[in-house]
Amino acid sequence: MVADEVRTLAQRTQESTTEIRSMIEQLQSGAHSVSAAMAQSKDSATLAVDRAQSANDALERIRQSIAQISDMNMQIAAAAEEQSLVAEEINANTVKIKDLSEQVSEAADGANAAMTDQFENVHQQEAILSRFKV
């Protein structure tokens, strides 16, 4: 009977050993799968970090471009203000020129009237002098 028990025990030991071996193989397979998944996750994380850095670089370039555009807008506004002041000065000078032109025109009209009077006076004097004969 002891031999039967030893055989039974040996068979159970054999079955347990096979079962333990199967469990170890499953654990090793699972560990390899987890390791592969972790490597893939690491690669994905590295790619995500690289893409985030690229996006950050692009945003920085955009920020710098916006700053340049803002500076250029300020320069354009300053130039427009200067042009506005120059245009106002030109307008004021144009008004002055118009006023002076009107004054010159009035003076020319007055001079023309005076010349007409002088010509009439000369004609009258010629007429009076023509009456006297020498």
N, C-alpha and C. Protein backbone atom coordinates (compact mmCIF):
# COMPACT_ATOMS: atom_id res chain seq x y z
N MET A 1 0.79 -1.16 0.00
CA MET A 1 0.00 0.00 0.00
C MET A 1 0.85 1.26 0.00
N VAL A 2 1.95 1.15 0.63
CA VAL A 2 2.86 2.29 0.65
C VAL A 2 3.32 2.57 -0.76
N ALA A 3 3.52 1.59 -1.55
CA ALA A 3 3.97 1.79 -2.91
C ALA A 3 2.90 2.50 -3.71
N ASP A 4 1.63 2.13 -3.46
CA ASP A 4 0.55 2.82 -4.16
C ASP A 4 0.52 4.29 -3.75
N GLU A 5 0.71 4.53 -2.49
CA GLU A 5 0.68 5.92 -2.02
C GLU A 5 1.87 6.69 -2.58
N VAL A 6 3.02 6.04 -2.68
CA VAL A 6 4.21 6.70 -3.23
C VAL A 6 3.96 6.98 -4.70
N ARG A 7 3.36 6.01 -5.42
CA ARG A 7 3.06 6.23 -6.82
C ARG A 7 2.05 7.36 -6.98
N THR A 8 1.03 7.37 -6.16
CA THR A 8 0.01 8.41 -6.22
C THR A 8 0.66 9.75 -5.91
N LEU A 9 1.48 9.76 -4.89
CA LEU A 9 2.17 10.99 -4.51
C LEU A 9 3.10 11.45 -5.62
N ALA A 10 3.81 10.52 -6.25
CA ALA A 10 4.71 10.85 -7.35
C ALA A 10 3.91 11.40 -8.52
N GLN A 11 2.76 10.79 -8.80
CA GLN A 11 1.94 11.27 -9.90
C GLN A 11 1.41 12.66 -9.58
N ARG A 12 0.98 12.91 -8.38
CA ARG A 12 0.48 14.25 -8.01
C ARG A 12 1.61 15.27 -8.07
N THR A 13 2.79 14.80 -7.64
CA THR A 13 3.94 15.70 -7.72
C THR A 13 4.22 16.05 -9.17
N GLN A 14 4.13 15.01 -10.05
CA GLN A 14 4.34 15.23 -11.49
C GLN A 14 3.31 16.19 -12.02
N GLU A 15 2.06 16.01 -11.68
CA GLU A 15 0.97 16.88 -12.15
C GLU A 15 1.16 18.30 -11.60
N SER A 16 1.54 18.39 -10.32
CA SER A 16 1.76 19.70 -9.71
C SER A 16 2.93 20.40 -10.38
N THR A 17 3.98 19.64 -10.68
CA THR A 17 5.15 20.21 -11.36
C THR A 17 4.75 20.73 -12.73
N THR A 18 3.96 19.94 -13.46
CA THR A 18 3.49 20.36 -14.79
C THR A 18 2.62 21.60 -14.66
N GLU A 19 1.76 21.59 -13.67
CA GLU A 19 0.87 22.74 -13.45
C GLU A 19 1.68 23.98 -13.08
N ILE A 20 2.69 23.79 -12.21
CA ILE A 20 3.54 24.94 -11.82
C ILE A 20 4.32 25.43 -13.02
N ARG A 21 4.84 24.50 -13.84
CA ARG A 21 5.58 24.89 -15.04
C ARG A 21 4.67 25.69 -15.96
N SER A 22 3.43 25.25 -16.14
CA SER A 22 2.47 25.95 -16.98
C SER A 22 2.20 27.35 -16.44
N MET A 23 2.05 27.45 -15.11
CA MET A 23 1.82 28.76 -14.50
C MET A 23 3.01 29.69 -14.72
N ILE A 24 4.24 29.13 -14.54
CA ILE A 24 5.46 29.93 -14.74
C ILE A 24 5.53 30.40 -16.19
N GLU A 25 5.22 29.51 -17.13
CA GLU A 25 5.24 29.91 -18.55
C GLU A 25 4.21 31.00 -18.83
N GLN A 26 3.03 30.89 -18.22
CA GLN A 26 2.01 31.93 -18.40
C GLN A 26 2.47 33.25 -17.80
N LEU A 27 3.11 33.15 -16.59
CA LEU A 27 3.63 34.37 -15.95
C LEU A 27 4.72 35.01 -16.82
N GLN A 28 5.61 34.17 -17.36
CA GLN A 28 6.67 34.70 -18.22
C GLN A 28 6.08 35.34 -19.48
N SER A 29 5.09 34.69 -20.07
CA SER A 29 4.42 35.24 -21.26
C SER A 29 3.75 36.56 -20.92
N GLY A 30 3.06 36.59 -19.77
CA GLY A 30 2.41 37.83 -19.33
C GLY A 30 3.43 38.93 -19.08
N ALA A 31 4.57 38.58 -18.46
CA ALA A 31 5.63 39.55 -18.18
C ALA A 31 6.19 40.11 -19.48
N HIS A 32 6.38 39.22 -20.48
CA HIS A 32 6.86 39.69 -21.79
C HIS A 32 5.83 40.62 -22.43
N SER A 33 4.57 40.28 -22.33
CA SER A 33 3.51 41.13 -22.90
C SER A 33 3.48 42.49 -22.21
N VAL A 34 3.59 42.47 -20.86
CA VAL A 34 3.61 43.72 -20.10
C VAL A 34 4.84 44.54 -20.48
N SER A 35 5.97 43.86 -20.61
CA SER A 35 7.22 44.55 -20.98
C SER A 35 7.07 45.19 -22.37
N ALA A 36 6.50 44.44 -23.32
CA ALA A 36 6.30 44.98 -24.67
C ALA A 36 5.33 46.17 -24.63
N ALA A 37 4.26 46.04 -23.84
CA ALA A 37 3.29 47.13 -23.72
C ALA A 37 3.93 48.35 -23.09
N MET A 38 4.77 48.14 -22.08
CA MET A 38 5.45 49.26 -21.44
C MET A 38 6.41 49.94 -22.42
N ALA A 39 7.11 49.15 -23.22
CA ALA A 39 8.02 49.72 -24.22
C ALA A 39 7.23 50.54 -25.25
N GLN A 40 6.10 49.99 -25.66
CA GLN A 40 5.26 50.72 -26.62
C GLN A 40 4.72 52.00 -25.99
N SER A 41 4.33 51.93 -24.72
CA SER A 41 3.85 53.12 -24.01
C SER A 41 4.95 54.15 -23.90
N LYS A 42 6.18 53.68 -23.62
CA LYS A 42 7.32 54.59 -23.53
C LYS A 42 7.55 55.28 -24.87
N ASP A 43 7.50 54.49 -25.96
CA ASP A 43 7.68 55.07 -27.30
C ASP A 43 6.58 56.09 -27.59
N SER A 44 5.35 55.76 -27.24
CA SER A 44 4.22 56.67 -27.46
C SER A 44 4.40 57.95 -26.63
N ALA A 45 4.85 57.79 -25.40
CA ALA A 45 5.07 58.96 -24.53
C ALA A 45 6.18 59.83 -25.09
N THR A 46 7.26 59.21 -25.57
CA THR A 46 8.37 59.96 -26.17
C THR A 46 7.89 60.73 -27.39
N LEU A 47 7.09 60.07 -28.23
CA LEU A 47 6.54 60.72 -29.41
C LEU A 47 5.63 61.88 -29.02
N ALA A 48 4.82 61.67 -27.99
CA ALA A 48 3.93 62.74 -27.51
C ALA A 48 4.73 63.92 -26.99
N VAL A 49 5.82 63.65 -26.27
CA VAL A 49 6.68 64.72 -25.76
C VAL A 49 7.32 65.48 -26.93
N ASP A 50 7.79 64.74 -27.93
CA ASP A 50 8.39 65.38 -29.10
C ASP A 50 7.37 66.27 -29.81
N ARG A 51 6.17 65.76 -29.99
CA ARG A 51 5.12 66.55 -30.65
C ARG A 51 4.74 67.76 -29.82
N ALA A 52 4.67 67.60 -28.51
CA ALA A 52 4.36 68.73 -27.62
C ALA A 52 5.45 69.79 -27.71
N GLN A 53 6.70 69.35 -27.79
CA GLN A 53 7.81 70.30 -27.92
C GLN A 53 7.72 71.03 -29.26
N SER A 54 7.39 70.30 -30.32
CA SER A 54 7.23 70.93 -31.64
C SER A 54 6.10 71.95 -31.61
N ALA A 55 5.00 71.59 -30.97
CA ALA A 55 3.87 72.52 -30.85
C ALA A 55 4.27 73.74 -30.03
N ASN A 56 5.03 73.51 -28.96
CA ASN A 56 5.51 74.62 -28.13
C ASN A 56 6.41 75.55 -28.94
N ASP A 57 7.30 74.96 -29.74
CA ASP A 57 8.19 75.76 -30.60
C ASP A 57 7.38 76.58 -31.60
N ALA A 58 6.36 75.94 -32.20
CA ALA A 58 5.52 76.66 -33.16
C ALA A 58 4.76 77.79 -32.48
N LEU A 59 4.26 77.54 -31.28
CA LEU A 59 3.56 78.60 -30.54
C LEU A 59 4.50 79.75 -30.19
N GLU A 60 5.74 79.43 -29.88
CA GLU A 60 6.71 80.48 -29.58
C GLU A 60 7.00 81.33 -30.82
N ARG A 61 7.12 80.67 -31.98
CA ARG A 61 7.33 81.42 -33.23
C ARG A 61 6.12 82.30 -33.52
N ILE A 62 4.92 81.77 -33.27
CA ILE A 62 3.69 82.56 -33.47
C ILE A 62 3.68 83.76 -32.52
N ARG A 63 4.07 83.54 -31.26
CA ARG A 63 4.10 84.63 -30.28
C ARG A 63 5.07 85.72 -30.73
N GLN A 64 6.25 85.30 -31.23
CA GLN A 64 7.23 86.27 -31.71
C GLN A 64 6.70 87.03 -32.92
N SER A 65 6.02 86.33 -33.82
CA SER A 65 5.44 86.99 -34.99
C SER A 65 4.38 88.00 -34.57
N ILE A 66 3.56 87.63 -33.59
CA ILE A 66 2.53 88.55 -33.10
C ILE A 66 3.18 89.78 -32.49
N ALA A 67 4.28 89.59 -31.75
CA ALA A 67 4.99 90.73 -31.15
C ALA A 67 5.54 91.64 -32.24
N GLN A 68 6.09 91.04 -33.31
CA GLN A 68 6.61 91.85 -34.42
C GLN A 68 5.48 92.62 -35.09
N ILE A 69 4.35 91.95 -35.31
CA ILE A 69 3.20 92.62 -35.94
C ILE A 69 2.72 93.76 -35.06
N SER A 70 2.69 93.54 -33.76
CA SER A 70 2.27 94.58 -32.84
C SER A 70 3.21 95.79 -32.91
N ASP A 71 4.52 95.52 -32.94
CA ASP A 71 5.49 96.61 -33.07
C ASP A 71 5.30 97.36 -34.39
N MET A 72 5.08 96.61 -35.46
CA MET A 72 4.88 97.25 -36.76
C MET A 72 3.60 98.07 -36.76
N ASN A 73 2.55 97.58 -36.10
CA ASN A 73 1.31 98.34 -36.00
C ASN A 73 1.53 99.65 -35.26
N MET A 74 2.35 99.60 -34.19
CA MET A 74 2.64 100.82 -33.44
C MET A 74 3.42 101.81 -34.32
N GLN A 75 4.36 101.30 -35.11
CA GLN A 75 5.13 102.17 -36.01
C GLN A 75 4.21 102.77 -37.07
N ILE A 76 3.30 101.95 -37.59
CA ILE A 76 2.35 102.45 -38.60
C ILE A 76 1.46 103.52 -38.00
N ALA A 77 1.00 103.29 -36.76
CA ALA A 77 0.14 104.28 -36.09
C ALA A 77 0.90 105.59 -35.89
N ALA A 78 2.17 105.49 -35.48
CA ALA A 78 2.98 106.70 -35.29
C ALA A 78 3.17 107.43 -36.62
N ALA A 79 3.46 106.67 -37.68
CA ALA A 79 3.64 107.28 -39.00
C ALA A 79 2.34 107.92 -39.48
N ALA A 80 1.23 107.26 -39.24
CA ALA A 80 -0.08 107.81 -39.64
C ALA A 80 -0.36 109.10 -38.88
N GLU A 81 0.00 109.13 -37.59
CA GLU A 81 -0.18 110.35 -36.80
C GLU A 81 0.67 111.48 -37.36
N GLU A 82 1.93 111.15 -37.71
CA GLU A 82 2.81 112.16 -38.31
C GLU A 82 2.23 112.66 -39.62
N GLN A 83 1.75 111.74 -40.45
CA GLN A 83 1.17 112.13 -41.73
C GLN A 83 -0.07 113.00 -41.52
N SER A 84 -0.83 112.68 -40.50
CA SER A 84 -2.02 113.47 -40.20
C SER A 84 -1.62 114.89 -39.82
N LEU A 85 -0.58 115.01 -39.00
CA LEU A 85 -0.10 116.34 -38.60
C LEU A 85 0.42 117.11 -39.81
N VAL A 86 1.15 116.42 -40.68
CA VAL A 86 1.67 117.07 -41.90
C VAL A 86 0.51 117.49 -42.79
N ALA A 87 -0.49 116.64 -42.92
CA ALA A 87 -1.66 116.97 -43.75
C ALA A 87 -2.40 118.18 -43.18
N GLU A 88 -2.50 118.25 -41.85
CA GLU A 88 -3.14 119.42 -41.22
C GLU A 88 -2.33 120.67 -41.51
N GLU A 89 -1.00 120.55 -41.43
CA GLU A 89 -0.14 121.70 -41.71
C GLU A 89 -0.26 122.13 -43.17
N ILE A 90 -0.30 121.15 -44.07
CA ILE A 90 -0.48 121.46 -45.50
C ILE A 90 -1.83 122.14 -45.71
N ASN A 91 -2.85 121.64 -45.05
CA ASN A 91 -4.19 122.23 -45.17
C ASN A 91 -4.17 123.68 -44.68
N ALA A 92 -3.52 123.91 -43.52
CA ALA A 92 -3.43 125.28 -42.98
C ALA A 92 -2.67 126.18 -43.95
N ASN A 93 -1.57 125.67 -44.51
CA ASN A 93 -0.79 126.46 -45.48
C ASN A 93 -1.59 126.72 -46.74
N THR A 94 -2.39 125.75 -47.16
CA THR A 94 -3.24 125.94 -48.35
C THR A 94 -4.27 127.04 -48.10
N VAL A 95 -4.84 127.04 -46.90
CA VAL A 95 -5.80 128.09 -46.54
C VAL A 95 -5.10 129.45 -46.56
N LYS A 96 -3.87 129.51 -46.01
CA LYS A 96 -3.12 130.77 -46.02
C LYS A 96 -2.84 131.22 -47.45
N ILE A 97 -2.44 130.26 -48.30
CA ILE A 97 -2.17 130.60 -49.71
C ILE A 97 -3.43 131.10 -50.39
N LYS A 98 -4.56 130.47 -50.09
CA LYS A 98 -5.84 130.91 -50.66
C LYS A 98 -6.14 132.34 -50.23
N ASP A 99 -5.97 132.58 -48.91
CA ASP A 99 -6.23 133.93 -48.39
C ASP A 99 -5.30 134.95 -49.05
N LEU A 100 -4.01 134.61 -49.16
CA LEU A 100 -3.07 135.52 -49.80
C LEU A 100 -3.41 135.72 -51.27
N SER A 101 -3.83 134.64 -51.93
CA SER A 101 -4.22 134.75 -53.35
C SER A 101 -5.40 135.68 -53.50
N GLU A 102 -6.37 135.58 -52.59
CA GLU A 102 -7.52 136.48 -52.64
C GLU A 102 -7.07 137.92 -52.41
N GLN A 103 -6.16 138.11 -51.46
CA GLN A 103 -5.65 139.46 -51.21
C GLN A 103 -4.92 140.01 -52.44
N VAL A 104 -4.08 139.15 -53.06
CA VAL A 104 -3.35 139.57 -54.27
C VAL A 104 -4.34 139.88 -55.38
N SER A 105 -5.39 139.04 -55.50
CA SER A 105 -6.40 139.26 -56.54
C SER A 105 -7.11 140.59 -56.30
N GLU A 106 -7.47 140.86 -55.03
CA GLU A 106 -8.13 142.13 -54.70
C GLU A 106 -7.19 143.30 -54.97
N ALA A 107 -5.91 143.11 -54.61
CA ALA A 107 -4.94 144.18 -54.87
C ALA A 107 -4.77 144.38 -56.37
N ALA A 108 -4.76 143.29 -57.15
CA ALA A 108 -4.63 143.39 -58.60
C ALA A 108 -5.85 144.07 -59.18
N ASP A 109 -7.04 143.74 -58.65
CA ASP A 109 -8.26 144.42 -59.12
C ASP A 109 -8.19 145.91 -58.82
N GLY A 110 -7.70 146.23 -57.60
CA GLY A 110 -7.54 147.64 -57.23
C GLY A 110 -6.54 148.33 -58.12
N ALA A 111 -5.42 147.65 -58.40
CA ALA A 111 -4.39 148.22 -59.27
C ALA A 111 -4.94 148.38 -60.68
N ASN A 112 -5.72 147.44 -61.12
CA ASN A 112 -6.32 147.51 -62.46
C ASN A 112 -7.28 148.69 -62.53
N ALA A 113 -8.09 148.85 -61.46
CA ALA A 113 -9.02 149.99 -61.44
C ALA A 113 -8.24 151.30 -61.42
N ALA A 114 -7.16 151.34 -60.65
CA ALA A 114 -6.34 152.56 -60.59
C ALA A 114 -5.71 152.85 -61.94
N MET A 115 -5.25 151.80 -62.63
CA MET A 115 -4.65 151.96 -63.96
C MET A 115 -5.69 152.47 -64.94
N THR A 116 -6.91 151.92 -64.82
CA THR A 116 -7.98 152.38 -65.71
C THR A 116 -8.25 153.86 -65.47
N ASP A 117 -8.29 154.25 -64.18
CA ASP A 117 -8.48 155.66 -63.84
C ASP A 117 -7.34 156.49 -64.39
N GLN A 118 -6.12 156.00 -64.27
CA GLN A 118 -4.96 156.74 -64.77
C GLN A 118 -5.06 156.90 -66.28
N PHE A 119 -5.46 155.81 -66.99
CA PHE A 119 -5.60 155.92 -68.45
C PHE A 119 -6.66 156.94 -68.80
N GLU A 120 -7.74 156.94 -68.06
CA GLU A 120 -8.78 157.93 -68.33
C GLU A 120 -8.27 159.34 -68.08
N ASN A 121 -7.52 159.49 -66.98
CA ASN A 121 -6.94 160.81 -66.68
C ASN A 121 -5.98 161.23 -67.79
N VAL A 122 -5.18 160.29 -68.26
CA VAL A 122 -4.22 160.61 -69.33
C VAL A 122 -4.99 161.01 -70.58
N HIS A 123 -6.06 160.30 -70.92
CA HIS A 123 -6.85 160.64 -72.11
C HIS A 123 -7.50 162.02 -71.94
N GLN A 124 -7.96 162.26 -70.74
CA GLN A 124 -8.58 163.56 -70.50
C GLN A 124 -7.54 164.68 -70.62
N GLN A 125 -6.36 164.43 -70.08
CA GLN A 125 -5.31 165.45 -70.17
C GLN A 125 -4.89 165.65 -71.62
N GLU A 126 -4.81 164.57 -72.39
CA GLU A 126 -4.47 164.67 -73.80
C GLU A 126 -5.54 165.49 -74.53
N ALA A 127 -6.78 165.23 -74.15
CA ALA A 127 -7.87 165.97 -74.80
C ALA A 127 -7.77 167.45 -74.45
N ILE A 128 -7.47 167.73 -73.20
CA ILE A 128 -7.35 169.13 -72.78
C ILE A 128 -6.13 169.76 -73.44
N LEU A 129 -5.03 169.06 -73.48
CA LEU A 129 -3.81 169.59 -74.09
C LEU A 129 -3.97 169.76 -75.59
N SER A 130 -4.77 168.94 -76.21
CA SER A 130 -4.94 169.05 -77.64
C SER A 130 -5.70 170.35 -77.99
N ARG A 131 -6.42 170.93 -77.06
CA ARG A 131 -7.13 172.17 -77.29
C ARG A 131 -6.15 173.35 -77.36
N PHE A 132 -5.10 173.20 -76.64
CA PHE A 132 -4.10 174.26 -76.67
C PHE A 132 -3.17 174.01 -77.82
N LYS A 133 -2.98 175.05 -78.63
CA LYS A 133 -2.09 174.89 -79.78
C LYS A 133 -0.90 175.81 -79.57
N VAL A 134 0.15 175.36 -79.91
CA VAL A 134 1.35 176.16 -79.75
C VAL A 134 1.83 176.68 -81.08
